[in-house]
Every structure is written in C-alpha cells, then in structure tokens.
Protein backbone atom coordinates (compact mmCIF):
# COMPACT_ATOMS: atom_id res chain seq x y z
CA MET A 1 0.46 0.30 -0.40
CA LEU A 2 2.64 2.00 0.89
CA GLU A 3 5.14 1.19 -1.95
CA GLY A 4 5.24 4.70 -4.66
CA CYS A 5 4.17 6.75 -1.70
CA LYS A 6 5.27 10.51 -2.27
CA SER A 7 7.30 12.75 0.09
CA VAL A 8 5.62 14.50 2.46
CA PHE A 9 8.36 17.63 1.84
CA LYS A 10 5.99 18.46 -1.29
CA TYR A 11 3.77 20.36 1.17
CA GLU A 12 5.18 23.01 3.80
CA LYS A 13 4.07 22.06 7.31
CA LEU A 14 2.22 25.34 9.01
CA ASN A 15 0.99 24.65 11.80
CA GLU A 16 0.05 21.68 14.22
CA ILE A 17 -4.71 21.59 14.53
CA ASN A 18 -4.79 18.90 16.85
CA GLU A 19 -3.27 15.58 18.37
CA GLY A 20 -6.04 12.49 18.69
CA THR A 21 -5.23 9.31 19.82
CA TYR A 22 -4.25 7.80 16.68
CA GLY A 23 -1.90 11.10 15.52
CA LYS A 24 -1.03 14.04 15.05
CA VAL A 25 -3.09 16.89 12.27
CA TYR A 26 -1.10 19.36 10.95
CA LYS A 27 -2.20 22.48 8.70
CA ALA A 28 0.07 22.82 5.07
CA ARG A 29 0.56 23.76 1.85
CA ASP A 30 0.98 22.16 -1.48
CA LYS A 31 4.13 23.66 -2.31
CA LYS A 32 3.05 23.45 -6.06
CA THR A 33 -0.51 24.86 -6.10
CA GLY A 34 -0.78 26.81 -2.56
CA GLU A 35 -3.89 24.16 -1.60
CA PHE A 36 -4.17 24.26 1.85
CA VAL A 37 -4.51 20.60 3.17
CA ALA A 38 -4.46 18.67 6.50
CA LEU A 39 -1.43 16.45 7.27
CA LYS A 40 -2.09 13.40 9.73
CA LYS A 41 0.77 11.80 10.66
CA VAL A 42 0.49 8.40 11.91
CA LYS A 43 0.83 7.60 15.23
CA MET A 44 3.31 3.99 14.61
CA ASP A 45 2.98 3.01 19.30
CA VAL A 46 -0.86 2.82 19.70
CA GLY A 47 -0.61 0.34 22.45
CA LYS A 48 -0.31 -3.49 21.94
CA ASP A 49 -1.01 -4.13 18.31
CA ARG A 50 -0.14 -7.44 16.32
CA TYR A 51 0.03 -5.76 13.37
CA LEU A 52 2.56 -3.17 13.96
CA GLU A 53 4.51 -5.82 15.71
CA GLU A 54 4.05 -8.27 12.32
CA TYR A 55 3.72 -5.65 9.58
CA GLY A 56 5.36 -2.39 10.95
CA PHE A 57 2.23 -0.51 10.23
CA PRO A 58 -0.66 -0.26 13.12
CA LEU A 59 -4.39 -1.81 12.85
CA THR A 60 -5.97 1.14 13.51
CA SER A 61 -4.07 3.60 11.08
CA LEU A 62 -4.73 0.21 8.15
CA ARG A 63 -8.38 0.81 8.64
CA GLU A 64 -8.50 4.53 8.65
CA ILE A 65 -6.53 4.77 5.42
CA ASN A 66 -8.57 1.81 3.48
CA ILE A 67 -12.00 2.98 5.07
CA LEU A 68 -11.57 6.46 3.68
CA MET A 69 -9.12 6.02 0.50
CA SER A 70 -12.27 3.82 -0.78
CA PHE A 71 -15.13 6.28 0.16
CA ASP A 72 -16.32 8.99 -1.61
CA HIS A 73 -19.26 11.08 -0.13
CA PRO A 74 -19.22 14.85 0.37
CA SER A 75 -19.82 13.70 4.18
CA ILE A 76 -16.62 12.26 4.67
CA VAL A 77 -13.82 13.60 5.28
CA LYS A 78 -11.60 13.21 2.09
CA VAL A 79 -7.91 11.63 1.92
CA LYS A 80 -5.83 13.15 -1.44
CA GLU A 81 -3.31 10.99 -0.82
CA VAL A 82 -0.93 9.06 1.77
CA VAL A 83 2.60 10.16 1.92
CA MET A 84 5.99 9.16 3.24
CA GLY A 85 8.01 11.37 5.54
CA ASP A 86 11.74 10.56 7.31
CA LEU A 87 12.36 7.40 9.21
CA ASP A 88 9.65 5.58 6.97
CA SER A 89 7.14 8.57 9.08
CA VAL A 90 3.27 8.32 7.43
CA PHE A 91 1.35 10.71 6.61
CA LEU A 92 -2.51 10.93 5.29
CA VAL A 93 -3.70 13.86 2.94
CA MET A 94 -6.58 15.29 3.32
CA GLU A 95 -8.75 17.90 2.46
CA TYR A 96 -8.79 21.35 4.86
CA MET A 97 -11.28 22.08 6.54
CA GLU A 98 -11.08 25.22 8.98
CA HIS A 99 -13.37 24.45 11.87
CA ASP A 100 -14.44 21.18 14.42
CA LEU A 101 -18.11 20.93 15.61
CA LYS A 102 -16.40 21.11 19.18
CA GLU A 103 -14.32 24.31 19.26
CA LEU A 104 -16.37 25.90 17.34
CA MET A 105 -19.64 25.47 19.93
CA GLN A 106 -16.96 26.50 22.24
CA MET A 107 -16.09 29.54 21.05
CA MET A 108 -19.87 30.66 19.81
CA LYS A 109 -21.87 33.13 21.98
CA GLN A 110 -25.20 31.53 20.82
CA PRO A 111 -25.89 28.24 19.82
CA PHE A 112 -27.02 26.87 16.28
CA SER A 113 -30.59 27.75 15.31
CA THR A 114 -32.84 25.80 14.45
CA SER A 115 -32.14 26.04 10.78
CA GLU A 116 -28.69 25.73 10.83
CA VAL A 117 -28.75 22.22 13.21
CA LYS A 118 -31.06 21.12 10.61
CA CYS A 119 -28.69 21.86 7.70
CA LEU A 120 -25.98 20.18 9.67
CA MET A 121 -27.76 17.43 11.35
CA LEU A 122 -28.92 16.63 7.00
CA GLN A 123 -24.98 16.52 6.38
CA LEU A 124 -23.92 14.11 9.35
CA LEU A 125 -27.06 11.69 8.45
CA GLU A 126 -26.55 11.66 5.35
CA GLY A 127 -22.47 10.71 6.20
CA VAL A 128 -23.67 8.48 8.66
CA LYS A 129 -25.86 6.21 6.22
CA TYR A 130 -23.12 6.27 3.31
CA LEU A 131 -21.04 4.57 6.24
CA HIS A 132 -23.93 2.12 7.34
CA ASP A 133 -25.01 1.52 3.48
CA ASN A 134 -21.13 0.36 2.69
CA TRP A 135 -20.97 -1.44 6.46
CA VAL A 136 -18.68 0.93 7.99
CA LEU A 137 -19.33 1.54 11.79
CA HIS A 138 -17.71 4.88 13.17
CA ARG A 139 -17.81 3.71 16.60
CA ASP A 140 -16.64 7.10 17.84
CA LEU A 141 -18.89 9.58 16.49
CA LYS A 142 -18.71 12.80 18.62
CA THR A 143 -18.30 17.01 17.94
CA SER A 144 -14.59 16.76 17.85
CA ASN A 145 -14.86 14.52 14.67
CA LEU A 146 -17.08 16.80 12.72
CA LEU A 147 -15.76 19.19 10.53
CA LEU A 148 -17.18 22.46 9.14
CA ASN A 149 -16.25 24.57 6.60
CA ASN A 150 -16.57 28.08 5.65
CA GLN A 151 -19.37 27.14 2.77
CA GLY A 152 -21.46 25.91 5.34
CA GLU A 153 -20.28 21.58 4.56
CA LEU A 154 -19.76 19.35 7.35
CA LYS A 155 -17.61 16.04 6.78
CA VAL A 156 -17.24 12.95 9.13
CA CYS A 157 -13.62 12.06 10.10
CA ASP A 158 -11.58 10.38 12.05
CA PHE A 159 -11.86 6.93 11.13
CA GLY A 160 -9.25 5.09 13.79
CA MET A 161 -11.92 3.45 15.62
CA SER A 162 -14.02 2.05 12.19
CA ARG A 163 -14.51 -1.00 11.67
CA GLN A 164 -16.46 -3.49 9.03
CA TYR A 165 -19.70 -5.14 10.14
CA GLY A 166 -21.42 -8.12 8.51
CA SER A 167 -24.18 -10.65 9.22
CA PRO A 168 -24.70 -12.78 11.98
CA LEU A 169 -23.42 -9.68 14.18
CA LYS A 170 -19.50 -10.91 15.44
CA PRO A 171 -18.30 -9.78 19.13
CA TYR A 172 -16.83 -6.92 18.99
CA THR A 173 -14.95 -4.70 22.00
CA SER A 174 -17.14 -2.65 24.26
CA LEU A 175 -14.48 0.10 24.73
CA VAL A 176 -15.07 2.13 21.68
CA VAL A 177 -16.75 5.67 21.67
CA THR A 178 -15.76 8.50 23.78
CA LEU A 179 -17.63 8.05 27.00
CA TRP A 180 -20.14 11.25 26.45
CA TYR A 181 -20.82 9.55 23.60
CA ARG A 182 -21.26 6.30 23.88
CA ALA A 183 -24.97 4.17 23.64
CA PRO A 184 -26.10 2.78 26.91
CA GLU A 185 -25.60 -1.04 25.14
CA LEU A 186 -21.50 -0.98 24.88
CA LEU A 187 -21.74 0.88 28.76
CA LEU A 188 -23.60 -2.37 29.85
CA GLY A 189 -20.73 -4.21 27.94
CA ALA A 190 -22.61 -5.68 24.81
CA LYS A 191 -19.98 -7.36 22.96
CA GLN A 192 -22.78 -7.77 19.79
CA TYR A 193 -24.15 -4.51 18.00
CA SER A 194 -24.43 -2.93 15.42
CA THR A 195 -25.40 0.62 13.60
CA ALA A 196 -27.02 1.59 16.59
CA VAL A 197 -24.26 2.80 18.02
CA ASP A 198 -23.40 5.32 16.22
CA MET A 199 -27.31 6.46 15.84
CA TRP A 200 -26.78 6.93 19.91
CA SER A 201 -23.63 9.21 18.95
CA VAL A 202 -25.65 11.27 16.80
CA GLY A 203 -28.65 12.16 18.69
CA CYS A 204 -26.03 13.25 21.42
CA ILE A 205 -24.67 15.45 18.69
CA MET A 206 -27.90 16.79 17.80
CA ALA A 207 -28.59 18.11 21.49
CA GLU A 208 -25.12 19.66 21.74
CA MET A 209 -26.04 21.40 17.87
CA LEU A 210 -29.05 22.79 19.88
CA THR A 211 -27.87 23.72 23.36
CA LYS A 212 -24.27 24.27 23.02
CA LYS A 213 -23.48 22.29 26.00
CA PRO A 214 -23.16 18.03 25.98
CA LEU A 215 -26.06 16.36 26.58
CA PHE A 216 -24.66 13.33 29.34
CA THR A 217 -21.20 14.35 31.04
CA GLY A 218 -20.22 10.90 33.06
CA LYS A 219 -17.51 10.78 35.07
CA GLY A 220 -16.97 7.42 34.32
CA GLU A 221 -18.81 4.45 33.25
CA ILE A 222 -21.47 3.97 36.02
CA ASP A 223 -21.88 7.77 36.59
CA HIS A 224 -22.53 8.42 33.03
CA LEU A 225 -25.43 5.55 33.26
CA ASP A 226 -26.79 7.01 35.92
CA LYS A 227 -26.93 10.16 34.48
CA ILE A 228 -28.47 8.80 31.22
CA PHE A 229 -31.35 7.27 33.33
CA LYS A 230 -32.20 10.22 35.58
CA THR A 231 -32.72 11.91 31.91
CA LEU A 232 -34.50 9.30 30.31
CA GLY A 233 -35.43 7.24 33.03
CA THR A 234 -34.13 3.86 34.48
CA PRO A 235 -34.97 0.93 31.65
CA ASP A 236 -35.81 -2.23 32.29
CA GLU A 237 -36.77 -5.69 29.97
CA THR A 238 -40.72 -3.90 28.85
CA VAL A 239 -38.76 -1.06 27.10
CA TRP A 240 -35.24 -3.06 26.16
CA PRO A 241 -36.16 -6.57 25.86
CA GLY A 242 -32.30 -8.36 26.34
CA LEU A 243 -31.53 -6.36 29.04
CA SER A 244 -31.09 -8.25 31.96
CA LYS A 245 -28.73 -10.57 29.39
CA LEU A 246 -26.03 -7.77 29.54
CA ARG A 247 -23.39 -7.91 32.12
CA GLY A 248 -23.44 -4.63 33.66
CA ALA A 249 -27.68 -4.73 34.02
CA LYS A 250 -26.74 -6.35 37.27
CA ALA A 251 -25.52 -3.06 38.72
CA ASN A 252 -27.45 -1.39 41.37
CA PHE A 253 -28.38 1.92 39.03
CA VAL A 254 -30.77 4.69 40.30
CA LYS A 255 -34.19 3.84 40.03
CA GLN A 256 -36.26 6.56 37.91
CA PRO A 257 -39.55 5.81 36.11
CA TYR A 258 -39.61 9.00 33.86
CA ASN A 259 -38.31 10.53 30.41
CA GLN A 260 -37.09 13.96 31.37
CA LEU A 261 -35.56 14.76 28.56
CA ARG A 262 -38.10 17.64 27.65
CA LYS A 263 -36.68 19.89 30.50
CA LYS A 264 -33.39 20.32 28.19
CA PHE A 265 -35.14 21.93 25.71
CA PRO A 266 -37.09 25.17 27.75
CA PHE A 267 -39.24 27.53 26.36
CA THR A 268 -37.20 30.82 24.74
CA PRO A 269 -37.11 33.79 27.00
CA PHE A 270 -37.75 35.97 23.49
CA THR A 271 -40.57 34.27 21.13
CA GLY A 272 -41.70 31.95 23.65
CA SER A 273 -41.51 29.01 21.41
CA PRO A 274 -38.93 25.60 22.74
CA VAL A 275 -36.02 25.21 21.73
CA LEU A 276 -36.60 22.05 20.39
CA SER A 277 -40.30 21.45 18.31
CA ASP A 278 -42.32 18.12 19.21
CA SER A 279 -41.59 17.38 15.59
CA GLY A 280 -37.89 18.05 16.77
CA PHE A 281 -37.99 16.05 20.15
CA ASP A 282 -40.08 12.73 18.43
CA LEU A 283 -36.32 12.61 16.26
CA LEU A 284 -34.04 13.12 19.27
CA ASN A 285 -36.38 11.05 21.30
CA LYS A 286 -35.91 8.09 18.70
CA LEU A 287 -31.84 8.44 18.26
CA LEU A 288 -32.13 8.25 22.18
CA THR A 289 -34.19 5.32 22.23
CA TYR A 290 -32.54 2.75 24.82
CA ASP A 291 -33.84 -0.86 22.56
CA PRO A 292 -30.98 -0.62 19.94
CA GLU A 293 -33.44 -2.71 17.40
CA LYS A 294 -35.79 0.53 17.53
CA ARG A 295 -33.58 2.79 17.51
CA ILE A 296 -34.10 5.01 14.39
CA THR A 297 -32.40 4.40 11.27
CA ALA A 298 -29.79 6.97 9.66
CA ASP A 299 -32.48 6.42 6.96
CA ASP A 300 -35.13 6.46 8.40
CA ALA A 301 -34.14 9.94 10.66
CA LEU A 302 -33.05 11.48 6.96
CA ASN A 303 -37.32 10.97 6.33
CA HIS A 304 -38.11 12.54 9.40
CA PRO A 305 -41.20 15.34 8.96
CA TRP A 306 -38.72 17.77 11.30
CA PHE A 307 -36.49 18.50 8.31
CA HIS A 308 -39.55 19.34 6.27
CA GLU A 309 -41.26 21.36 8.95
CA VAL A 310 -40.92 25.27 9.65
CA PRO A 311 -37.74 26.62 10.01
CA LEU A 312 -36.57 24.90 6.74
CA PRO A 313 -32.66 23.52 7.02
CA LYS A 314 -30.81 26.46 5.59
CA SER A 315 -28.95 25.46 2.47
CA LYS A 316 -25.17 25.17 3.08
CA GLU A 317 -24.82 28.55 1.07
CA SER A 318 -26.71 30.20 3.50
CA MET A 319 -25.02 29.52 6.63
CA PRO A 320 -22.56 31.56 8.58
CA THR A 321 -18.74 31.61 7.91
CA TYR A 322 -17.03 32.34 11.29
CA PRO A 323 -13.50 34.49 11.35
CA PRO A 324 -10.43 32.55 11.96
CA GLN A 325 -10.09 33.37 15.58
CA TYR A 326 -13.11 29.87 16.21
CA ALA A 327 -10.74 27.84 14.61
CA LYS A 328 -7.64 28.29 17.55
CA LYS A 329 -4.39 26.85 16.02
CA ARG A 330 -6.91 25.34 12.41
C-alpha cells in the first residue's frame, strides 16, 4: 500500500491543528499549487498492536486509510493521498476544513439556530447513512470528529476506531466511542452491536448542537449511566428486551421511571417557543431510544418530518462563516 508513495516534503507544514489518539494533524500548504491541506501523521505506537509488531504498521491506521481511500461522499472527509516522511513516517493528506464542531461551539456566543442545526444534521445523517450502507461502523462519532468549512459543509473524520461489520454480528470490543457519546448497550458491556451505536452518538450530537452543551457528562461508566437514567428514565425488560442479559445490567442503578429529556429544551425567553419543536423532540427521542433494535436508522432519520417543517434547513451556501479566531490553531 505504501510503495510508490510521494514525499511529505511536497507540502509545507504550517502549524499543528490537534492531536488525537491515533495521530497528530497539521495544517500544510502544497508547495506547487498553494492549496491548503490537513496532514495527519500516523502514530506508530498505539498500545499493543499485533499488526504493528508483524507488519510495522498499526491496525487502526490501516483501517482508517482503507476506509477513507475507498470512500467518496460529500459528508466524509476526503483523503487525497498517503505520503512518506523521514524514518518511514507516514502521513494522510486530507482536505483542509477550517473548524471542528466542538471547538467552534465552545467559541460561539449563541447556539446554532434551528435551521442551521437542521442543515448540519442532514449532512451528518447523510454521512452516517453512507457509512452504514457500506457496512462500516464509525464507533467514535462526537463533535470533535465533525469538521465544518466556510462553505457550510460538514464532514465526518477520524476513522481510527471504525470497522466493517457483517451479518451475523461478531463479538466486538465495547471499549469504543468517547464516553459522553457512548450508547447504553456499550456501557453495559454488549459485545455484539451494530449501527445503532452510531445513531445514539448522533442523538447526543443533535442535543449538543441545539444547546451548545454536551447532553450527558459522566465521569466514568457507572456515573454516565446514572446520568442517562436520571434523564431518560431507568430502562427495564419492557422498554428494552434483552437488557437483563447484559453483563452491566446487574449493577444497582438509580430507579427513575420518567423520561425528563424535554426539560433540557426549555422555552426561549424572547419568542416563548421551545428550543426544540415536538417534531424535533420526537426525532431526538428516537435517536436516544434504549432498545438498539428500535433506535431510528440514519435512513429513517433523514426522512423525519422535522426536516420538512418551518423553519426549514438552511442551505449550505447560506450557513454563517466564522472568522479564524473560532478555529483556534486551525
């Protein structure tokens, strides 16, 4: 795969954008064309990795390269090429995006408007649908893995935790997805899971887009489940058949029978209208459904009536642009 790769020195490194679990990301300029790109340096020491020991290349990076090189979708960040640096260091050359959603929302004074959230959610759902249609679970959807450019385009990035799935479902590790966006079946130790884990993350992201605050902010797995149960009600076999078979379900959790999610989206003081309409709340509830079998799919979410009611989604072209200070190091 790496034979015949070009040199990273065709790009001028400008500054480091961020560092994730699986590699540093730099802003760079193509010396020939002047085009800005993002250079992701592949980390070669990601824990104990059998592929790294056998082949000199980590499995997480192989997954990410294979997935991104084979994909072509406007809501998935595009990898232009793989290049080599000194001492066999490897870089992914990706399209440059001005912002990531997490940093952008931290810097914004006001949350996105409803029509802006709809525009972003449609793009996110289209990207997730494309992944699921191609038998890929992202497994780490969160606001810092969603990039936004000044053309109003949202793109999913960071596929280091992704993997292809099939039928029948195979046992996977449940230690995936950043805690605040992790589905309850993963928190309770499920080893067999599917696209529904990504849809729960999408629900958490939707709530965060609307309020500018993460929905559930547990300090550990048990604390996080407690926070979910206090908001959505404590599940049982009636609402989630098969729950009792999960390893973590035997823990003694708070018993709270009511769904209190609506209280997180109060009426706005200026207009008196809710931050989230009943239709929008219905979509959010369907994304945050306990039973993975009943959780809404990306395809069905794209066709939800919320996207067709006033205010309609903004077009990408009419999305606001944000000045460079919003991009921090970008």
